[in-house]
Amino acid sequence: MSIERDALYSMLGIAMRAGVLTLGSDGVLGAIAAGKAALVLLDAGASDNTKKKFRDSCAYYGCELVETAQDRLGLAIGKPGRMCAAVAKGPLGDKLHKLAQDG
């Protein structure tokens, strides 16, 4: 199920400007393994192999994975085409985590 909440996507833009997002497959996987990710966002348009890789990594390290609506993640952060992002732990990460759970 993908998230359609506008509040989450608005807050993602703020998180990007605040510098609390890690982008790119390698960077996100590194943040998950280091325990720095409060939440991982994955675009619904990502390939099945990519989804499996992030699902497995998040399950192993105990990080929540949330699938966003197709193409909304990249648009929300101002970088169209991005398929994944990790939100750093902290107040903004907690707020995004709560928004993702409510959606």
N, C-alpha and C. Protein backbone atom coordinates (compact mmCIF):
# COMPACT_ATOMS: atom_id res chain seq x y z
N MET A 1 0.84 -1.17 0.00
CA MET A 1 0.00 0.00 0.00
C MET A 1 0.89 1.24 0.00
N SER A 2 0.60 2.17 -0.87
CA SER A 2 1.43 3.37 -0.94
C SER A 2 0.73 4.53 -0.25
N ILE A 3 1.54 5.45 0.23
CA ILE A 3 1.03 6.58 1.00
C ILE A 3 0.70 7.73 0.06
N GLU A 4 -0.44 8.35 0.26
CA GLU A 4 -0.90 9.45 -0.57
C GLU A 4 -1.01 10.76 0.20
N ARG A 5 -0.56 10.80 1.45
CA ARG A 5 -0.78 11.97 2.30
C ARG A 5 0.10 13.15 1.88
N ASP A 6 -0.53 14.29 1.59
CA ASP A 6 0.19 15.48 1.18
C ASP A 6 1.07 16.02 2.30
N ALA A 7 0.65 15.87 3.56
CA ALA A 7 1.44 16.38 4.68
C ALA A 7 2.81 15.70 4.72
N LEU A 8 2.85 14.42 4.44
CA LEU A 8 4.12 13.69 4.43
C LEU A 8 5.04 14.23 3.34
N TYR A 9 4.49 14.44 2.16
CA TYR A 9 5.31 14.91 1.05
C TYR A 9 5.78 16.35 1.26
N SER A 10 4.96 17.17 1.88
CA SER A 10 5.38 18.54 2.20
C SER A 10 6.52 18.51 3.21
N MET A 11 6.40 17.65 4.19
CA MET A 11 7.44 17.54 5.21
C MET A 11 8.72 16.96 4.63
N LEU A 12 8.62 16.13 3.61
CA LEU A 12 9.81 15.59 2.96
C LEU A 12 10.62 16.70 2.29
N GLY A 13 9.93 17.67 1.70
CA GLY A 13 10.61 18.81 1.11
C GLY A 13 11.38 19.59 2.16
N ILE A 14 10.78 19.76 3.32
CA ILE A 14 11.45 20.45 4.43
C ILE A 14 12.66 19.64 4.90
N ALA A 15 12.47 18.33 5.01
CA ALA A 15 13.57 17.45 5.44
C ALA A 15 14.74 17.50 4.46
N MET A 16 14.44 17.59 3.18
CA MET A 16 15.50 17.67 2.17
C MET A 16 16.29 18.96 2.36
N ARG A 17 15.59 20.07 2.55
CA ARG A 17 16.27 21.36 2.73
C ARG A 17 17.03 21.39 4.05
N ALA A 18 16.56 20.66 5.04
CA ALA A 18 17.23 20.61 6.35
C ALA A 18 18.44 19.67 6.35
N GLY A 19 18.56 18.86 5.31
CA GLY A 19 19.71 17.97 5.21
C GLY A 19 19.60 16.69 6.02
N VAL A 20 18.39 16.25 6.32
CA VAL A 20 18.24 15.03 7.11
C VAL A 20 17.86 13.81 6.25
N LEU A 21 17.92 13.96 4.93
CA LEU A 21 17.64 12.84 4.05
C LEU A 21 18.93 12.32 3.43
N THR A 22 19.03 11.02 3.33
CA THR A 22 20.12 10.38 2.61
C THR A 22 19.50 9.80 1.35
N LEU A 23 20.09 10.09 0.20
CA LEU A 23 19.54 9.65 -1.07
C LEU A 23 20.47 8.66 -1.76
N GLY A 24 19.93 7.91 -2.68
CA GLY A 24 20.72 6.95 -3.44
C GLY A 24 20.77 5.61 -2.75
N SER A 25 20.80 4.60 -3.54
CA SER A 25 20.75 3.23 -3.03
C SER A 25 21.87 2.91 -2.04
N ASP A 26 23.11 3.23 -2.42
CA ASP A 26 24.24 2.90 -1.55
C ASP A 26 24.20 3.72 -0.25
N GLY A 27 23.87 5.00 -0.37
CA GLY A 27 23.81 5.85 0.82
C GLY A 27 22.72 5.42 1.78
N VAL A 28 21.57 5.06 1.24
CA VAL A 28 20.45 4.62 2.09
C VAL A 28 20.79 3.29 2.76
N LEU A 29 21.35 2.36 2.02
CA LEU A 29 21.73 1.08 2.62
C LEU A 29 22.77 1.28 3.71
N GLY A 30 23.70 2.20 3.50
CA GLY A 30 24.70 2.51 4.51
C GLY A 30 24.08 3.11 5.76
N ALA A 31 23.10 4.00 5.58
CA ALA A 31 22.42 4.62 6.73
C ALA A 31 21.63 3.57 7.52
N ILE A 32 21.03 2.63 6.81
CA ILE A 32 20.28 1.56 7.49
C ILE A 32 21.24 0.71 8.32
N ALA A 33 22.35 0.30 7.71
CA ALA A 33 23.31 -0.57 8.40
C ALA A 33 23.97 0.14 9.58
N ALA A 34 24.16 1.45 9.48
CA ALA A 34 24.79 2.21 10.56
C ALA A 34 23.81 2.56 11.68
N GLY A 35 22.53 2.27 11.48
CA GLY A 35 21.53 2.58 12.50
C GLY A 35 21.16 4.04 12.55
N LYS A 36 21.42 4.77 11.48
CA LYS A 36 21.14 6.21 11.44
C LYS A 36 19.78 6.54 10.84
N ALA A 37 19.11 5.57 10.25
CA ALA A 37 17.84 5.81 9.57
C ALA A 37 16.67 5.57 10.50
N ALA A 38 15.81 6.58 10.63
CA ALA A 38 14.58 6.42 11.40
C ALA A 38 13.50 5.79 10.53
N LEU A 39 13.60 6.03 9.23
CA LEU A 39 12.56 5.60 8.30
C LEU A 39 13.18 5.55 6.91
N VAL A 40 12.79 4.55 6.12
CA VAL A 40 13.23 4.46 4.73
C VAL A 40 12.01 4.57 3.84
N LEU A 41 12.11 5.44 2.85
CA LEU A 41 11.03 5.65 1.91
C LEU A 41 11.43 5.07 0.56
N LEU A 42 10.54 4.32 -0.04
CA LEU A 42 10.82 3.66 -1.31
C LEU A 42 9.67 3.95 -2.27
N ASP A 43 10.00 4.42 -3.46
CA ASP A 43 9.00 4.75 -4.47
C ASP A 43 8.33 3.48 -4.98
N ALA A 44 7.03 3.53 -5.20
CA ALA A 44 6.28 2.36 -5.68
C ALA A 44 6.74 1.93 -7.06
N GLY A 45 7.37 2.82 -7.81
CA GLY A 45 7.84 2.50 -9.15
C GLY A 45 9.19 1.81 -9.19
N ALA A 46 9.79 1.55 -8.04
CA ALA A 46 11.09 0.88 -7.99
C ALA A 46 10.93 -0.57 -8.47
N SER A 47 12.02 -1.11 -8.98
CA SER A 47 11.97 -2.49 -9.49
C SER A 47 11.75 -3.47 -8.34
N ASP A 48 11.33 -4.66 -8.70
CA ASP A 48 11.10 -5.70 -7.69
C ASP A 48 12.39 -6.06 -6.96
N ASN A 49 13.51 -6.10 -7.68
CA ASN A 49 14.79 -6.41 -7.05
C ASN A 49 15.18 -5.34 -6.04
N THR A 50 14.95 -4.08 -6.39
CA THR A 50 15.26 -2.97 -5.48
C THR A 50 14.38 -3.05 -4.24
N LYS A 51 13.10 -3.31 -4.44
CA LYS A 51 12.18 -3.43 -3.30
C LYS A 51 12.61 -4.55 -2.37
N LYS A 52 13.00 -5.70 -2.95
CA LYS A 52 13.44 -6.83 -2.13
C LYS A 52 14.71 -6.48 -1.35
N LYS A 53 15.65 -5.82 -2.00
CA LYS A 53 16.91 -5.45 -1.35
C LYS A 53 16.64 -4.56 -0.13
N PHE A 54 15.77 -3.57 -0.27
CA PHE A 54 15.49 -2.66 0.84
C PHE A 54 14.61 -3.32 1.90
N ARG A 55 13.67 -4.15 1.48
CA ARG A 55 12.83 -4.88 2.44
C ARG A 55 13.70 -5.77 3.33
N ASP A 56 14.61 -6.51 2.70
CA ASP A 56 15.49 -7.42 3.45
C ASP A 56 16.41 -6.65 4.39
N SER A 57 17.00 -5.56 3.90
CA SER A 57 17.91 -4.77 4.72
C SER A 57 17.19 -4.15 5.91
N CYS A 58 16.01 -3.59 5.66
CA CYS A 58 15.24 -2.97 6.75
C CYS A 58 14.80 -4.01 7.77
N ALA A 59 14.40 -5.18 7.31
CA ALA A 59 13.99 -6.24 8.23
C ALA A 59 15.16 -6.69 9.09
N TYR A 60 16.33 -6.83 8.49
CA TYR A 60 17.50 -7.30 9.22
C TYR A 60 17.94 -6.29 10.27
N TYR A 61 17.95 -5.01 9.94
CA TYR A 61 18.43 -3.98 10.86
C TYR A 61 17.32 -3.33 11.69
N GLY A 62 16.08 -3.74 11.51
CA GLY A 62 14.98 -3.24 12.32
C GLY A 62 14.57 -1.81 12.01
N CYS A 63 14.59 -1.45 10.74
CA CYS A 63 14.20 -0.11 10.32
C CYS A 63 12.89 -0.21 9.55
N GLU A 64 12.00 0.76 9.74
CA GLU A 64 10.72 0.71 9.04
C GLU A 64 10.86 1.15 7.60
N LEU A 65 10.21 0.43 6.71
CA LEU A 65 10.21 0.75 5.28
C LEU A 65 8.80 1.15 4.89
N VAL A 66 8.68 2.29 4.21
CA VAL A 66 7.39 2.78 3.77
C VAL A 66 7.44 3.00 2.26
N GLU A 67 6.45 2.49 1.56
CA GLU A 67 6.38 2.66 0.12
C GLU A 67 5.52 3.88 -0.19
N THR A 68 6.06 4.81 -0.97
CA THR A 68 5.33 6.02 -1.35
C THR A 68 4.63 5.80 -2.68
N ALA A 69 3.72 6.69 -3.01
CA ALA A 69 3.05 6.63 -4.30
C ALA A 69 4.08 6.82 -5.41
N GLN A 70 3.81 6.25 -6.56
CA GLN A 70 4.77 6.29 -7.65
C GLN A 70 5.09 7.73 -8.07
N ASP A 71 6.37 8.01 -8.20
CA ASP A 71 6.93 9.29 -8.62
C ASP A 71 6.74 10.44 -7.63
N ARG A 72 6.09 10.22 -6.50
CA ARG A 72 5.87 11.30 -5.54
C ARG A 72 7.10 11.60 -4.71
N LEU A 73 7.92 10.60 -4.43
CA LEU A 73 9.10 10.82 -3.60
C LEU A 73 10.05 11.81 -4.26
N GLY A 74 10.41 11.56 -5.49
CA GLY A 74 11.33 12.45 -6.20
C GLY A 74 10.79 13.86 -6.35
N LEU A 75 9.52 13.97 -6.64
CA LEU A 75 8.91 15.30 -6.78
C LEU A 75 8.89 16.04 -5.46
N ALA A 76 8.64 15.35 -4.37
CA ALA A 76 8.56 15.99 -3.06
C ALA A 76 9.90 16.55 -2.61
N ILE A 77 10.98 15.89 -2.99
CA ILE A 77 12.30 16.35 -2.54
C ILE A 77 13.00 17.21 -3.60
N GLY A 78 12.35 17.42 -4.72
CA GLY A 78 12.93 18.26 -5.76
C GLY A 78 13.96 17.57 -6.62
N LYS A 79 13.94 16.24 -6.63
CA LYS A 79 14.87 15.46 -7.43
C LYS A 79 14.09 14.33 -8.11
N PRO A 80 13.39 14.66 -9.20
CA PRO A 80 12.59 13.63 -9.89
C PRO A 80 13.43 12.42 -10.29
N GLY A 81 12.83 11.26 -10.15
CA GLY A 81 13.50 10.02 -10.51
C GLY A 81 14.15 9.31 -9.35
N ARG A 82 14.23 9.92 -8.19
CA ARG A 82 14.82 9.25 -7.02
C ARG A 82 13.85 8.18 -6.55
N MET A 83 14.40 7.03 -6.22
CA MET A 83 13.57 5.89 -5.83
C MET A 83 13.62 5.58 -4.34
N CYS A 84 14.62 6.10 -3.62
CA CYS A 84 14.71 5.78 -2.20
C CYS A 84 15.33 6.94 -1.43
N ALA A 85 14.96 7.00 -0.16
CA ALA A 85 15.51 8.01 0.74
C ALA A 85 15.44 7.46 2.16
N ALA A 86 16.45 7.81 2.95
CA ALA A 86 16.46 7.45 4.36
C ALA A 86 16.35 8.74 5.15
N VAL A 87 15.48 8.75 6.14
CA VAL A 87 15.30 9.91 7.01
C VAL A 87 16.11 9.66 8.28
N ALA A 88 16.98 10.62 8.61
CA ALA A 88 17.84 10.49 9.79
C ALA A 88 17.02 10.56 11.07
N LYS A 89 17.52 9.90 12.10
CA LYS A 89 16.87 9.94 13.40
C LYS A 89 16.96 11.36 13.96
N GLY A 90 15.94 11.75 14.71
CA GLY A 90 15.89 13.09 15.28
C GLY A 90 14.46 13.59 15.26
N PRO A 91 14.23 14.84 15.67
CA PRO A 91 12.86 15.36 15.74
C PRO A 91 12.12 15.34 14.41
N LEU A 92 12.80 15.73 13.34
CA LEU A 92 12.16 15.73 12.03
C LEU A 92 11.89 14.30 11.55
N GLY A 93 12.82 13.41 11.83
CA GLY A 93 12.63 12.00 11.50
C GLY A 93 11.46 11.39 12.25
N ASP A 94 11.31 11.77 13.52
CA ASP A 94 10.19 11.28 14.32
C ASP A 94 8.85 11.78 13.75
N LYS A 95 8.82 13.04 13.33
CA LYS A 95 7.60 13.62 12.76
C LYS A 95 7.23 12.92 11.46
N LEU A 96 8.20 12.69 10.60
CA LEU A 96 7.94 11.99 9.35
C LEU A 96 7.49 10.54 9.60
N HIS A 97 8.09 9.91 10.59
CA HIS A 97 7.71 8.54 10.95
C HIS A 97 6.25 8.51 11.38
N LYS A 98 5.84 9.48 12.18
CA LYS A 98 4.46 9.55 12.65
C LYS A 98 3.50 9.80 11.49
N LEU A 99 3.87 10.71 10.59
CA LEU A 99 3.04 10.98 9.41
C LEU A 99 2.89 9.74 8.54
N ALA A 100 3.97 8.98 8.39
CA ALA A 100 3.93 7.78 7.56
C ALA A 100 3.03 6.71 8.18
N GLN A 101 3.04 6.61 9.52
CA GLN A 101 2.21 5.62 10.19
C GLN A 101 0.73 5.99 10.13
N ASP A 102 0.44 7.29 10.17
CA ASP A 102 -0.95 7.75 10.12
C ASP A 102 -1.55 7.55 8.75
N GLY A 103 -0.69 7.52 7.71
CA GLY A 103 -1.18 7.41 6.34
C GLY A 103 -1.46 6.01 5.98
